[in-house]
């Protein structure tokens, strides 16, 4: 992992992470200061954006793809929810195409559950 060096790089990284986070179902409409700080810490540690994206998708899909009889979980309230998944992926990296696979799984899930898609307005 190579940390990014400039303030502009750090800001771009933070904005990318926050954008991915807000694009997930069952996440808040706004981010907190602690969410912004966590994104900055990941940047300072040199956590690749692809690893963060994979962690966000994997963590979200683990929540969503539960047995039908299982009770629905409360919405995610903080980016920190995904910290253990980021650490898991740093310890055990996944194959290169895994993020694309997860993107497809998320698209399919949201297609079947449009009420959870943050990009679809509720009537």
Foldseek 3Di string as FASTA:
>chain_A
DDADDDPVVLVVQLVLLVVLQCQFFLEDVDADPVQSVVSSVCNRVVQDSLLSLLLSLVLRCVQVPDDPPDDRDHGDYHSVSSVVSSVVCVVPPDDPCNSVVSVVVRVVVCVVVVVRGPVDDDD
